Amino acid sequence: MDRKKDAREKIQLGGLIVKAGLRETDKAILLGILTDAAKQLGDTNQRDRWRAIGKAAFKDDSQKGNVDADPDSPHAGGGVGLERD
């Protein structure tokens, strides 16, 4: 059961990379971006800025009729949605 949950989470995280338009980006660059961003998570202003950008991207998809795109949607269930704080 834990392996299945882990696999699903990894698939969802990969979906976020695709959704962000980074599918063709070198993996070392992606890891560098994420590692650098992880160091900035303590900055409340930066964190709020990133959250707003992400929510706008999910909202854009939900307005295009993809209800699974927004993890806050009551209809979400099979999309890229991840738990967020």
N, C-alpha and C. Protein backbone atom coordinates (compact mmCIF):
# COMPACT_ATOMS: atom_id res chain seq x y z
N MET A 1 0.82 -1.19 0.00
CA MET A 1 0.00 0.00 0.00
C MET A 1 0.87 1.26 0.00
N ASP A 2 1.93 1.27 0.81
CA ASP A 2 2.82 2.43 0.88
C ASP A 2 3.52 2.66 -0.46
N ARG A 3 3.92 1.58 -1.13
CA ARG A 3 4.59 1.72 -2.43
C ARG A 3 3.65 2.33 -3.46
N LYS A 4 2.38 1.93 -3.42
CA LYS A 4 1.39 2.46 -4.35
C LYS A 4 1.18 3.96 -4.11
N LYS A 5 1.08 4.34 -2.84
CA LYS A 5 0.91 5.75 -2.48
C LYS A 5 2.13 6.56 -2.93
N ASP A 6 3.33 6.02 -2.71
CA ASP A 6 4.56 6.68 -3.11
C ASP A 6 4.61 6.86 -4.63
N ALA A 7 4.24 5.83 -5.36
CA ALA A 7 4.25 5.90 -6.83
C ALA A 7 3.26 6.95 -7.32
N ARG A 8 2.08 7.00 -6.73
CA ARG A 8 1.08 7.99 -7.13
C ARG A 8 1.59 9.41 -6.87
N GLU A 9 2.21 9.61 -5.72
CA GLU A 9 2.73 10.94 -5.39
C GLU A 9 3.81 11.36 -6.40
N LYS A 10 4.69 10.43 -6.77
CA LYS A 10 5.74 10.75 -7.74
C LYS A 10 5.15 11.08 -9.11
N ILE A 11 4.10 10.37 -9.50
CA ILE A 11 3.43 10.66 -10.77
C ILE A 11 2.82 12.05 -10.72
N GLN A 12 2.19 12.39 -9.61
CA GLN A 12 1.59 13.71 -9.46
C GLN A 12 2.65 14.81 -9.52
N LEU A 13 3.77 14.59 -8.85
CA LEU A 13 4.84 15.57 -8.86
C LEU A 13 5.41 15.75 -10.27
N GLY A 14 5.56 14.65 -10.99
CA GLY A 14 6.00 14.73 -12.38
C GLY A 14 5.00 15.52 -13.23
N GLY A 15 3.71 15.35 -12.93
CA GLY A 15 2.69 16.10 -13.64
C GLY A 15 2.83 17.59 -13.43
N LEU A 16 3.26 17.99 -12.25
CA LEU A 16 3.47 19.42 -12.00
C LEU A 16 4.61 19.97 -12.85
N ILE A 17 5.65 19.17 -13.04
CA ILE A 17 6.76 19.58 -13.89
C ILE A 17 6.26 19.81 -15.32
N VAL A 18 5.45 18.88 -15.80
CA VAL A 18 4.88 18.99 -17.15
C VAL A 18 3.97 20.21 -17.22
N LYS A 19 3.10 20.39 -16.23
CA LYS A 19 2.16 21.50 -16.20
C LYS A 19 2.88 22.84 -16.22
N ALA A 20 4.04 22.91 -15.58
CA ALA A 20 4.81 24.14 -15.53
C ALA A 20 5.54 24.41 -16.85
N GLY A 21 5.45 23.48 -17.79
CA GLY A 21 6.11 23.68 -19.08
C GLY A 21 7.58 23.33 -19.06
N LEU A 22 7.99 22.47 -18.13
CA LEU A 22 9.41 22.16 -17.94
C LEU A 22 9.77 20.74 -18.39
N ARG A 23 8.92 20.12 -19.17
CA ARG A 23 9.14 18.73 -19.59
C ARG A 23 10.50 18.55 -20.28
N GLU A 24 10.90 19.49 -21.09
CA GLU A 24 12.13 19.35 -21.86
C GLU A 24 13.37 19.91 -21.15
N THR A 25 13.19 20.41 -19.95
CA THR A 25 14.30 21.02 -19.21
C THR A 25 15.23 19.94 -18.66
N ASP A 26 16.52 20.20 -18.76
CA ASP A 26 17.54 19.29 -18.24
C ASP A 26 17.25 18.96 -16.77
N LYS A 27 17.35 17.71 -16.42
CA LYS A 27 17.03 17.25 -15.06
C LYS A 27 17.93 17.90 -14.01
N ALA A 28 19.17 18.16 -14.34
CA ALA A 28 20.06 18.82 -13.38
C ALA A 28 19.60 20.26 -13.13
N ILE A 29 19.09 20.91 -14.15
CA ILE A 29 18.56 22.27 -13.98
C ILE A 29 17.32 22.23 -13.10
N LEU A 30 16.42 21.28 -13.36
CA LEU A 30 15.23 21.15 -12.53
C LEU A 30 15.58 20.93 -11.07
N LEU A 31 16.51 20.03 -10.82
CA LEU A 31 16.92 19.76 -9.45
C LEU A 31 17.54 21.00 -8.82
N GLY A 32 18.32 21.74 -9.59
CA GLY A 32 18.92 22.97 -9.08
C GLY A 32 17.86 24.01 -8.73
N ILE A 33 16.87 24.16 -9.59
CA ILE A 33 15.77 25.10 -9.33
C ILE A 33 15.05 24.71 -8.04
N LEU A 34 14.70 23.43 -7.94
CA LEU A 34 13.94 22.97 -6.77
C LEU A 34 14.76 23.06 -5.49
N THR A 35 16.03 22.74 -5.57
CA THR A 35 16.90 22.82 -4.40
C THR A 35 17.03 24.26 -3.93
N ASP A 36 17.21 25.17 -4.87
CA ASP A 36 17.32 26.59 -4.54
C ASP A 36 16.00 27.10 -3.95
N ALA A 37 14.89 26.70 -4.55
CA ALA A 37 13.58 27.12 -4.05
C ALA A 37 13.33 26.57 -2.64
N ALA A 38 13.76 25.34 -2.39
CA ALA A 38 13.56 24.74 -1.07
C ALA A 38 14.24 25.57 0.02
N LYS A 39 15.36 26.17 -0.33
CA LYS A 39 16.09 27.01 0.63
C LYS A 39 15.33 28.30 0.92
N GLN A 40 14.43 28.70 0.03
CA GLN A 40 13.70 29.95 0.17
C GLN A 40 12.31 29.78 0.78
N LEU A 41 11.94 28.55 1.13
CA LEU A 41 10.60 28.30 1.64
C LEU A 41 10.31 29.02 2.96
N GLY A 42 11.33 29.37 3.69
CA GLY A 42 11.13 30.10 4.94
C GLY A 42 10.75 31.56 4.74
N ASP A 43 10.95 32.08 3.54
CA ASP A 43 10.61 33.46 3.21
C ASP A 43 9.11 33.52 2.91
N THR A 44 8.34 34.05 3.85
CA THR A 44 6.89 34.07 3.73
C THR A 44 6.43 34.80 2.48
N ASN A 45 7.07 35.91 2.14
CA ASN A 45 6.67 36.66 0.95
C ASN A 45 6.87 35.84 -0.31
N GLN A 46 8.02 35.18 -0.41
CA GLN A 46 8.30 34.35 -1.58
C GLN A 46 7.33 33.18 -1.65
N ARG A 47 7.09 32.57 -0.52
CA ARG A 47 6.17 31.42 -0.45
C ARG A 47 4.77 31.84 -0.90
N ASP A 48 4.28 32.99 -0.42
CA ASP A 48 2.97 33.49 -0.81
C ASP A 48 2.92 33.81 -2.30
N ARG A 49 4.00 34.36 -2.82
CA ARG A 49 4.08 34.67 -4.26
C ARG A 49 3.98 33.39 -5.08
N TRP A 50 4.74 32.37 -4.69
CA TRP A 50 4.70 31.09 -5.42
C TRP A 50 3.32 30.46 -5.33
N ARG A 51 2.70 30.51 -4.15
CA ARG A 51 1.36 29.94 -3.99
C ARG A 51 0.36 30.63 -4.91
N ALA A 52 0.44 31.95 -5.00
CA ALA A 52 -0.48 32.70 -5.88
C ALA A 52 -0.28 32.32 -7.34
N ILE A 53 0.97 32.17 -7.75
CA ILE A 53 1.26 31.76 -9.12
C ILE A 53 0.69 30.37 -9.39
N GLY A 54 0.90 29.44 -8.46
CA GLY A 54 0.41 28.09 -8.62
C GLY A 54 -1.10 28.02 -8.65
N LYS A 55 -1.76 28.73 -7.74
CA LYS A 55 -3.22 28.74 -7.73
C LYS A 55 -3.77 29.32 -9.02
N ALA A 56 -3.11 30.35 -9.55
CA ALA A 56 -3.56 30.94 -10.82
C ALA A 56 -3.44 29.93 -11.95
N ALA A 57 -2.38 29.14 -11.94
CA ALA A 57 -2.20 28.13 -12.98
C ALA A 57 -3.27 27.05 -12.88
N PHE A 58 -3.60 26.62 -11.66
CA PHE A 58 -4.67 25.64 -11.48
C PHE A 58 -6.02 26.24 -11.89
N LYS A 59 -6.24 27.49 -11.53
CA LYS A 59 -7.51 28.15 -11.88
C LYS A 59 -7.66 28.26 -13.39
N ASP A 60 -6.57 28.58 -14.07
CA ASP A 60 -6.58 28.68 -15.53
C ASP A 60 -7.05 27.37 -16.15
N ASP A 61 -6.54 26.24 -15.64
CA ASP A 61 -6.94 24.93 -16.16
C ASP A 61 -8.40 24.63 -15.83
N SER A 62 -8.84 25.00 -14.62
CA SER A 62 -10.22 24.69 -14.25
C SER A 62 -11.20 25.51 -15.09
N GLN A 63 -10.79 26.70 -15.51
CA GLN A 63 -11.64 27.53 -16.36
C GLN A 63 -11.71 26.97 -17.78
N LYS A 64 -10.74 26.14 -18.13
CA LYS A 64 -10.74 25.49 -19.44
C LYS A 64 -11.53 24.19 -19.41
N GLY A 65 -12.16 23.90 -18.27
CA GLY A 65 -12.99 22.71 -18.18
C GLY A 65 -12.32 21.50 -17.58
N ASN A 66 -11.09 21.63 -17.13
CA ASN A 66 -10.36 20.51 -16.51
C ASN A 66 -10.54 20.60 -15.00
N VAL A 67 -11.65 20.06 -14.48
CA VAL A 67 -11.94 20.19 -13.05
C VAL A 67 -10.93 19.47 -12.18
N ASP A 68 -10.25 18.47 -12.71
CA ASP A 68 -9.24 17.76 -11.92
C ASP A 68 -7.97 18.57 -11.75
N ALA A 69 -7.84 19.67 -12.48
CA ALA A 69 -6.61 20.44 -12.43
C ALA A 69 -6.44 21.17 -11.12
N ASP A 70 -7.53 21.54 -10.47
CA ASP A 70 -7.45 22.31 -9.23
C ASP A 70 -7.67 21.39 -8.04
N PRO A 71 -6.62 21.17 -7.23
CA PRO A 71 -6.76 20.26 -6.10
C PRO A 71 -7.72 20.79 -5.05
N ASP A 72 -8.06 22.08 -5.08
CA ASP A 72 -9.02 22.65 -4.14
C ASP A 72 -10.45 22.48 -4.61
N SER A 73 -10.61 22.04 -5.86
CA SER A 73 -11.95 21.84 -6.41
C SER A 73 -12.64 20.68 -5.70
N PRO A 74 -13.94 20.84 -5.41
CA PRO A 74 -14.66 19.72 -4.78
C PRO A 74 -14.81 18.54 -5.73
N HIS A 75 -14.53 18.75 -7.00
CA HIS A 75 -14.65 17.68 -7.99
C HIS A 75 -13.32 17.01 -8.29
N ALA A 76 -12.24 17.53 -7.71
CA ALA A 76 -10.91 16.98 -8.00
C ALA A 76 -10.82 15.54 -7.50
N GLY A 77 -10.03 14.76 -8.21
CA GLY A 77 -9.89 13.39 -7.75
C GLY A 77 -8.84 12.64 -8.50
N GLY A 78 -8.68 12.90 -9.77
CA GLY A 78 -7.74 12.10 -10.53
C GLY A 78 -6.67 12.91 -11.20
N GLY A 79 -6.63 14.20 -10.93
CA GLY A 79 -5.68 15.06 -11.63
C GLY A 79 -4.36 15.15 -10.95
N VAL A 80 -3.67 16.23 -11.21
CA VAL A 80 -2.33 16.45 -10.72
C VAL A 80 -2.33 16.93 -9.28
N GLY A 81 -3.48 17.20 -8.73
CA GLY A 81 -3.59 17.82 -7.43
C GLY A 81 -2.80 17.14 -6.32
N LEU A 82 -2.16 17.96 -5.51
CA LEU A 82 -1.40 17.48 -4.35
C LEU A 82 -1.88 18.21 -3.13
N GLU A 83 -1.68 17.61 -1.99
CA GLU A 83 -2.00 18.30 -0.74
C GLU A 83 -1.06 19.47 -0.61
N ARG A 84 -1.63 20.59 -0.16
CA ARG A 84 -0.83 21.78 0.06
C ARG A 84 -1.13 22.32 1.44
N ASP A 85 -0.19 23.08 1.97
CA ASP A 85 -0.45 23.69 3.28
C ASP A 85 -0.87 25.11 3.11
